[in-house]
Amino acid sequence: MDGGDGHGHGGHGHGHGHSHDHGHDCVAEHKELQEHHEERWLYDCIDTANIRALNADPAHNALGAIKPYDKRRDTDTWLESDADEQLIITIPFTGTVRLKSFSLGSGAGEQGPLKVKFLVRDDVDFDNVEDLPVTQEFELPRDNPVDAEHPVRVAKFNRVRALTVFVDTNHGGDTTRINYFALKGIFSHLKTEPVVAEYEIKPMPGDVRNRLETMGGAMGM
């Protein structure tokens, strides 16, 4: 009798453990499927009026590259740097974003970005960019295609209100050209009234490339 009871108890324990694990797997799988369903290209979640691109050519500013997904192959507009190959692009969102991946179409040979750094902050310029911690860094191939998606470390990009993209180097060109730049992730509306950030167009101290954008941005944007 004792042996029979022991066996029955052991069988019950095994069955409970199996059911619990299976249920946990189902919940995780459901969450993954739900998140995948909510993923989308985030162009319409960007506060485009307040995008800031430092060292951008006034004739080819950030909105030449940050455009809707169906315009990704359009090469009539692009973003190009001005004084040298470096660019700093700050992209504010209208809510919070859990970033999953990005696409950057260069197709520009030596002008295509090589080293690109993401920083989850909106106070970056050429005076402090080398001193700030980088959230994630990428190396992109020459002539990177518009349909190539580059995953990010999602845990580092939760509840992002603004993202700064620093193009550090390119593949050898005097200036950098980006034909298309897009972000993919999960968007959440703000639960409270947003604090409106003021992006004043004013001269910045230090690096001349900061001041170039204050003039170029006003004309180009």
Protein backbone atom coordinates (compact mmCIF):
# COMPACT_ATOMS: atom_id res chain seq x y z
CA MET A 1 0.00 0.00 0.00
CA ASP A 2 2.77 2.40 0.98
CA GLY A 3 4.58 1.75 -2.28
CA GLY A 4 1.41 2.34 -4.25
CA ASP A 5 0.72 5.65 -2.50
CA GLY A 6 4.30 6.78 -3.09
CA HIS A 7 4.08 6.02 -6.77
CA GLY A 8 0.79 7.83 -7.09
CA HIS A 9 2.15 10.92 -5.36
CA GLY A 10 5.22 10.91 -7.59
CA GLY A 11 3.05 10.64 -10.68
CA HIS A 12 0.91 13.54 -9.48
CA GLY A 13 4.01 15.65 -8.93
CA HIS A 14 5.30 14.89 -12.39
CA GLY A 15 1.99 15.72 -13.98
CA HIS A 16 1.74 19.05 -12.15
CA GLY A 17 5.25 20.04 -13.15
CA HIS A 18 4.62 19.21 -16.78
CA SER A 19 1.39 21.16 -16.84
CA HIS A 20 3.03 24.20 -15.23
CA ASP A 21 5.93 24.24 -17.68
CA HIS A 22 3.64 23.82 -20.63
CA GLY A 23 1.44 26.66 -19.44
CA HIS A 24 4.47 28.91 -18.96
CA ASP A 25 5.68 28.08 -22.46
CA CYS A 26 2.26 28.91 -23.87
CA VAL A 27 2.21 32.29 -22.12
CA ALA A 28 5.69 33.12 -23.38
CA GLU A 29 4.79 32.00 -26.89
CA HIS A 30 1.58 34.04 -26.82
CA LYS A 31 3.48 37.14 -25.66
CA GLU A 32 6.06 36.68 -28.42
CA LEU A 33 3.36 36.32 -31.06
CA GLN A 34 1.48 39.33 -29.70
CA GLU A 35 4.62 41.48 -29.73
CA HIS A 36 5.45 40.37 -33.26
CA HIS A 37 1.93 41.34 -34.31
CA GLU A 38 2.37 44.80 -32.77
CA GLU A 39 5.73 45.45 -34.43
CA ARG A 40 5.64 48.02 -37.20
CA TRP A 41 7.67 50.61 -39.02
CA LEU A 42 7.61 53.70 -36.84
CA TYR A 43 7.63 56.57 -39.33
CA ASP A 44 4.18 57.79 -38.27
CA CYS A 45 5.29 57.68 -34.59
CA ILE A 46 8.15 60.14 -35.14
CA ASP A 47 7.80 63.82 -34.25
CA THR A 48 9.14 64.80 -37.66
CA ALA A 49 8.89 68.54 -37.01
CA ASN A 50 11.50 68.23 -34.25
CA ILE A 51 14.04 65.93 -35.89
CA ARG A 52 17.47 67.53 -35.60
CA ALA A 53 20.39 66.67 -37.90
CA LEU A 54 23.75 68.25 -37.08
CA ASN A 55 26.26 68.74 -39.89
CA ALA A 56 23.57 68.05 -42.50
CA ASP A 57 23.68 69.68 -45.91
CA PRO A 58 20.78 72.20 -45.88
CA ALA A 59 19.69 70.92 -49.30
CA HIS A 60 19.65 67.28 -48.12
CA ASN A 61 18.39 67.21 -44.53
CA ALA A 62 17.10 64.39 -42.34
CA LEU A 63 13.65 64.17 -43.90
CA GLY A 64 15.33 63.27 -47.18
CA ALA A 65 16.10 59.86 -45.64
CA ILE A 66 13.51 59.44 -42.87
CA LYS A 67 10.45 58.71 -44.98
CA PRO A 68 7.55 56.23 -45.21
CA TYR A 69 8.28 52.58 -45.90
CA ASP A 70 6.68 52.72 -49.35
CA LYS A 71 9.20 55.46 -50.29
CA ARG A 72 12.23 53.40 -49.26
CA ARG A 73 13.44 52.95 -52.86
CA ASP A 74 12.96 56.63 -53.71
CA THR A 75 16.39 58.11 -54.43
CA ASP A 76 15.13 61.59 -55.34
CA THR A 77 15.68 62.69 -51.73
CA TRP A 78 18.41 61.75 -49.28
CA LEU A 79 20.33 62.93 -46.22
CA GLU A 80 23.91 64.08 -46.75
CA SER A 81 26.52 65.44 -44.38
CA ASP A 82 28.12 68.82 -44.96
CA ALA A 83 31.56 69.68 -43.56
CA ASP A 84 32.83 66.09 -43.25
CA GLU A 85 31.53 62.52 -43.05
CA GLN A 86 29.98 62.70 -39.57
CA LEU A 87 26.28 63.19 -38.78
CA ILE A 88 24.27 63.42 -35.58
CA ILE A 89 20.53 62.79 -36.03
CA THR A 90 18.18 63.13 -33.06
CA ILE A 91 14.77 61.52 -33.59
CA PRO A 92 11.99 62.27 -31.05
CA PHE A 93 8.86 60.11 -30.89
CA THR A 94 5.28 61.14 -30.14
CA GLY A 95 5.05 58.39 -27.49
CA THR A 96 7.37 55.66 -26.21
CA VAL A 97 8.98 53.02 -28.39
CA ARG A 98 10.39 49.55 -27.77
CA LEU A 99 12.89 49.42 -30.59
CA LYS A 100 13.45 46.07 -32.33
CA SER A 101 15.44 46.83 -35.50
CA PHE A 102 16.34 49.43 -38.10
CA SER A 103 16.98 49.74 -41.81
CA LEU A 104 19.52 52.06 -43.38
CA GLY A 105 19.78 52.17 -47.14
CA SER A 106 22.95 53.81 -48.41
CA GLY A 107 23.65 52.54 -51.90
CA ALA A 108 26.21 55.32 -52.01
CA GLY A 109 29.55 53.53 -52.31
CA GLU A 110 32.24 55.29 -50.29
CA GLN A 111 29.62 57.70 -48.91
CA GLY A 112 27.73 54.90 -47.16
CA PRO A 113 27.90 54.85 -43.32
CA LEU A 114 30.33 52.39 -41.75
CA LYS A 115 30.32 52.93 -37.96
CA VAL A 116 26.94 53.99 -36.57
CA LYS A 117 26.20 54.51 -32.87
CA PHE A 118 22.80 54.69 -31.16
CA LEU A 119 22.32 56.74 -27.98
CA VAL A 120 19.02 56.79 -26.11
CA ARG A 121 19.04 60.51 -25.31
CA ASP A 122 18.31 63.83 -27.00
CA ASP A 123 21.11 66.10 -25.75
CA VAL A 124 23.88 64.99 -28.11
CA ASP A 125 26.03 67.32 -30.20
CA PHE A 126 29.57 67.34 -31.55
CA ASP A 127 30.95 68.78 -28.30
CA ASN A 128 29.85 65.83 -26.14
CA VAL A 129 29.21 62.86 -28.45
CA GLU A 130 32.64 61.29 -27.91
CA ASP A 131 32.22 61.43 -24.12
CA LEU A 132 28.72 59.98 -23.78
CA PRO A 133 27.99 56.26 -23.27
CA VAL A 134 26.83 54.52 -26.44
CA THR A 135 23.74 52.32 -26.16
CA GLN A 136 24.73 50.13 -29.13
CA GLU A 137 27.21 50.37 -32.00
CA PHE A 138 26.92 48.88 -35.49
CA GLU A 139 29.19 48.37 -38.50
CA LEU A 140 27.35 48.49 -41.81
CA PRO A 141 28.47 47.10 -45.17
CA ARG A 142 29.17 49.28 -48.16
CA ASP A 143 26.04 49.84 -50.30
CA ASN A 144 23.78 48.58 -47.52
CA PRO A 145 20.40 47.66 -49.10
CA VAL A 146 17.16 49.32 -47.95
CA ASP A 147 15.51 45.98 -47.17
CA ALA A 148 18.23 44.81 -44.79
CA GLU A 149 16.97 44.85 -41.19
CA HIS A 150 19.51 45.18 -38.40
CA PRO A 151 18.30 43.94 -34.99
CA VAL A 152 19.08 45.89 -31.83
CA ARG A 153 19.53 44.64 -28.26
CA VAL A 154 15.89 45.14 -27.34
CA ALA A 155 16.54 45.24 -23.59
CA LYS A 156 18.55 48.43 -24.10
CA PHE A 157 15.80 50.15 -26.08
CA ASN A 158 12.68 49.96 -23.90
CA ARG A 159 10.45 53.02 -23.47
CA VAL A 160 12.53 55.21 -25.78
CA ARG A 161 11.27 58.79 -26.09
CA ALA A 162 14.11 59.97 -28.36
CA LEU A 163 16.95 58.28 -30.19
CA THR A 164 20.17 59.88 -31.38
CA VAL A 165 22.05 58.31 -34.29
CA PHE A 166 25.72 59.19 -34.62
CA VAL A 167 27.33 58.34 -37.95
CA ASP A 168 30.98 58.23 -36.90
CA THR A 169 32.69 57.04 -40.10
CA ASN A 170 31.82 56.02 -43.65
CA HIS A 171 33.55 53.88 -46.27
CA GLY A 172 36.02 56.57 -47.33
CA GLY A 173 33.94 59.37 -48.85
CA ASP A 174 34.33 63.07 -48.05
CA THR A 175 30.67 63.21 -47.04
CA THR A 176 28.11 60.62 -45.92
CA ARG A 177 24.90 59.90 -47.82
CA ILE A 178 21.86 58.02 -46.50
CA ASN A 179 19.01 57.32 -48.91
CA TYR A 180 16.66 55.73 -46.38
CA PHE A 181 16.51 55.33 -42.62
CA ALA A 182 13.70 53.61 -40.73
CA LEU A 183 13.05 52.19 -37.28
CA LYS A 184 10.88 49.20 -36.39
CA GLY A 185 9.40 48.42 -33.00
CA ILE A 186 6.39 48.61 -30.73
CA PHE A 187 4.79 52.00 -30.10
CA SER A 188 2.90 53.02 -26.96
CA HIS A 189 0.91 56.21 -26.49
CA LEU A 190 1.79 58.34 -23.51
CA LYS A 191 -0.47 57.63 -20.56
CA THR A 192 -0.24 61.20 -19.26
CA GLU A 193 -0.10 64.58 -20.90
CA PRO A 194 3.26 64.85 -22.66
CA VAL A 195 5.81 67.40 -21.61
CA VAL A 196 6.45 69.38 -24.77
CA ALA A 197 10.16 69.61 -25.41
CA GLU A 198 11.34 72.83 -26.95
CA TYR A 199 13.99 72.46 -29.62
CA GLU A 200 15.16 76.01 -30.01
CA ILE A 201 17.09 76.95 -33.10
CA LYS A 202 19.97 78.79 -31.51
CA PRO A 203 23.75 78.92 -31.86
CA MET A 204 25.63 76.22 -29.96
CA PRO A 205 29.11 76.72 -28.54
CA GLY A 206 32.10 74.72 -29.68
CA ASP A 207 32.14 72.65 -32.84
CA VAL A 208 31.30 74.62 -35.98
CA ARG A 209 29.20 71.69 -37.24
CA ASN A 210 26.69 72.37 -34.45
CA ARG A 211 26.21 75.92 -35.70
CA LEU A 212 25.95 74.85 -39.34
CA GLU A 213 22.79 72.90 -38.53
CA THR A 214 21.13 75.83 -36.77
CA MET A 215 21.18 77.66 -40.08
CA GLY A 216 20.69 74.61 -42.31
CA GLY A 217 17.93 73.21 -40.14
CA ALA A 218 15.93 76.42 -40.30
CA MET A 219 16.16 76.50 -44.07
CA GLY A 220 15.86 72.80 -44.83
CA MET A 221 13.27 71.70 -42.30
